[in-house]
Amino acid sequence: MAELKFFGYLADLVGTRKKEVNLEKPIPLREMLPSPFPETNIIILINEKVGGLDSLIQDEDSVVLMPILSGG
């Protein structure tokens, strides 16, 4: 079971902070997300490594999606 964790406004956009998905075959991350989903100014980590919306997600993967934070 793949686990997706959403932080900040992305959790509000998706409607949950955590989503678990059973996958029979690898699929691109973007196919698991609602449309429209931001394509810029987000950080994507897959199994603690940098990933992207087109990265293939497999069963047992851990995915973290969070907005880029800035401050002054």
C-alpha atoms as a PDB file:
ATOM      1  CA  MET A   1       0.000   0.000   0.000  1.00  0.00           C
ATOM      2  CA  ALA A   2       1.462   3.358  -1.065  1.00  0.00           C
ATOM      3  CA  GLU A   3       1.124   6.181   1.448  1.00  0.00           C
ATOM      4  CA  LEU A   4       0.738   9.828   0.406  1.00  0.00           C
ATOM      5  CA  LYS A   5       1.136  12.602   2.986  1.00  0.00           C
ATOM      6  CA  PHE A   6       0.042  16.163   2.267  1.00  0.00           C
ATOM      7  CA  PHE A   7       1.177  19.273   4.154  1.00  0.00           C
ATOM      8  CA  GLY A   8       0.040  22.890   4.286  1.00  0.00           C
ATOM      9  CA  TYR A   9      -2.575  24.062   1.811  1.00  0.00           C
ATOM     10  CA  LEU A  10      -2.080  20.872  -0.221  1.00  0.00           C
ATOM     11  CA  ALA A  11      -3.896  18.926   2.522  1.00  0.00           C
ATOM     12  CA  ASP A  12      -6.822  21.349   2.210  1.00  0.00           C
ATOM     13  CA  LEU A  13      -6.786  20.979  -1.573  1.00  0.00           C
ATOM     14  CA  VAL A  14      -6.899  17.168  -1.388  1.00  0.00           C
ATOM     15  CA  GLY A  15      -9.197  17.091   1.645  1.00  0.00           C
ATOM     16  CA  THR A  16      -6.948  14.914   3.802  1.00  0.00           C
ATOM     17  CA  ARG A  17      -3.467  14.845   5.310  1.00  0.00           C
ATOM     18  CA  LYS A  18      -2.884  11.164   4.545  1.00  0.00           C
ATOM     19  CA  LYS A  19      -4.060   8.887   1.751  1.00  0.00           C
ATOM     20  CA  GLU A  20      -3.321   5.184   1.335  1.00  0.00           C
ATOM     21  CA  VAL A  21      -3.618   3.554  -2.081  1.00  0.00           C
ATOM     22  CA  ASN A  22      -3.312  -0.093  -3.140  1.00  0.00           C
ATOM     23  CA  LEU A  23      -1.412  -0.316  -6.410  1.00  0.00           C
ATOM     24  CA  GLU A  24      -1.232  -3.362  -8.653  1.00  0.00           C
ATOM     25  CA  LYS A  25       1.317  -1.721 -10.958  1.00  0.00           C
ATOM     26  CA  PRO A  26       3.414   1.463 -10.834  1.00  0.00           C
ATOM     27  CA  ILE A  27       1.566   4.612 -11.924  1.00  0.00           C
ATOM     28  CA  PRO A  28       2.649   8.257 -12.264  1.00  0.00           C
ATOM     29  CA  LEU A  29       2.047  10.326  -9.148  1.00  0.00           C
ATOM     30  CA  ARG A  30      -0.004  12.890 -11.083  1.00  0.00           C
ATOM     31  CA  GLU A  31      -2.635  10.206 -11.800  1.00  0.00           C
ATOM     32  CA  MET A  32      -3.163   9.779  -8.048  1.00  0.00           C
ATOM     33  CA  LEU A  33      -3.811  13.473  -7.417  1.00  0.00           C
ATOM     34  CA  PRO A  34      -6.939  15.567  -7.968  1.00  0.00           C
ATOM     35  CA  SER A  35      -7.126  17.871 -10.944  1.00  0.00           C
ATOM     36  CA  PRO A  36      -6.055  20.623 -10.906  1.00  0.00           C
ATOM     37  CA  PHE A  37      -3.062  20.068  -8.620  1.00  0.00           C
ATOM     38  CA  PRO A  38      -0.211  22.609  -8.414  1.00  0.00           C
ATOM     39  CA  GLU A  39       2.736  21.730 -10.632  1.00  0.00           C
ATOM     40  CA  THR A  40       5.115  24.373  -9.296  1.00  0.00           C
ATOM     41  CA  ASN A  41       6.315  25.543  -5.896  1.00  0.00           C
ATOM     42  CA  ILE A  42       5.869  22.136  -4.289  1.00  0.00           C
ATOM     43  CA  ILE A  43       8.354  19.669  -2.851  1.00  0.00           C
ATOM     44  CA  ILE A  44       7.839  15.981  -3.594  1.00  0.00           C
ATOM     45  CA  LEU A  45       9.734  13.302  -1.700  1.00  0.00           C
ATOM     46  CA  ILE A  46       9.389   9.640  -2.617  1.00  0.00           C
ATOM     47  CA  ASN A  47      10.947   7.299  -0.079  1.00  0.00           C
ATOM     48  CA  GLU A  48      12.854  10.330   1.266  1.00  0.00           C
ATOM     49  CA  LYS A  49      14.338  11.172  -2.175  1.00  0.00           C
ATOM     50  CA  VAL A  50      13.390  14.033  -4.482  1.00  0.00           C
ATOM     51  CA  GLY A  51      10.691  13.092  -6.981  1.00  0.00           C
ATOM     52  CA  GLY A  52       8.266  14.711  -9.377  1.00  0.00           C
ATOM     53  CA  LEU A  53       4.687  14.509 -10.571  1.00  0.00           C
ATOM     54  CA  ASP A  54       5.724  12.093 -13.327  1.00  0.00           C
ATOM     55  CA  SER A  55       7.589   9.762 -10.939  1.00  0.00           C
ATOM     56  CA  LEU A  56       6.229   6.221 -10.902  1.00  0.00           C
ATOM     57  CA  ILE A  57       4.720   5.249  -7.564  1.00  0.00           C
ATOM     58  CA  GLN A  58       4.730   1.609  -6.501  1.00  0.00           C
ATOM     59  CA  ASP A  59       2.997  -0.264  -3.723  1.00  0.00           C
ATOM     60  CA  GLU A  60       4.887   0.296  -0.433  1.00  0.00           C
ATOM     61  CA  ASP A  61       6.229   3.733  -1.516  1.00  0.00           C
ATOM     62  CA  SER A  62       6.007   6.655   0.883  1.00  0.00           C
ATOM     63  CA  VAL A  63       5.267  10.001  -0.777  1.00  0.00           C
ATOM     64  CA  VAL A  64       5.384  13.432   0.881  1.00  0.00           C
ATOM     65  CA  LEU A  65       3.989  16.518  -0.849  1.00  0.00           C
ATOM     66  CA  MET A  66       4.491  19.960   0.673  1.00  0.00           C
ATOM     67  CA  PRO A  67       4.490  23.567  -0.473  1.00  0.00           C
ATOM     68  CA  ILE A  68       7.754  25.465  -0.699  1.00  0.00           C
ATOM     69  CA  LEU A  69       7.944  27.723   2.314  1.00  0.00           C
ATOM     70  CA  SER A  70       9.470  31.162   2.264  1.00  0.00           C
ATOM     71  CA  GLY A  71       9.901  33.828   4.802  1.00  0.00           C
ATOM     72  CA  GLY A  72      11.837  36.884   5.586  1.00  0.00           C
END
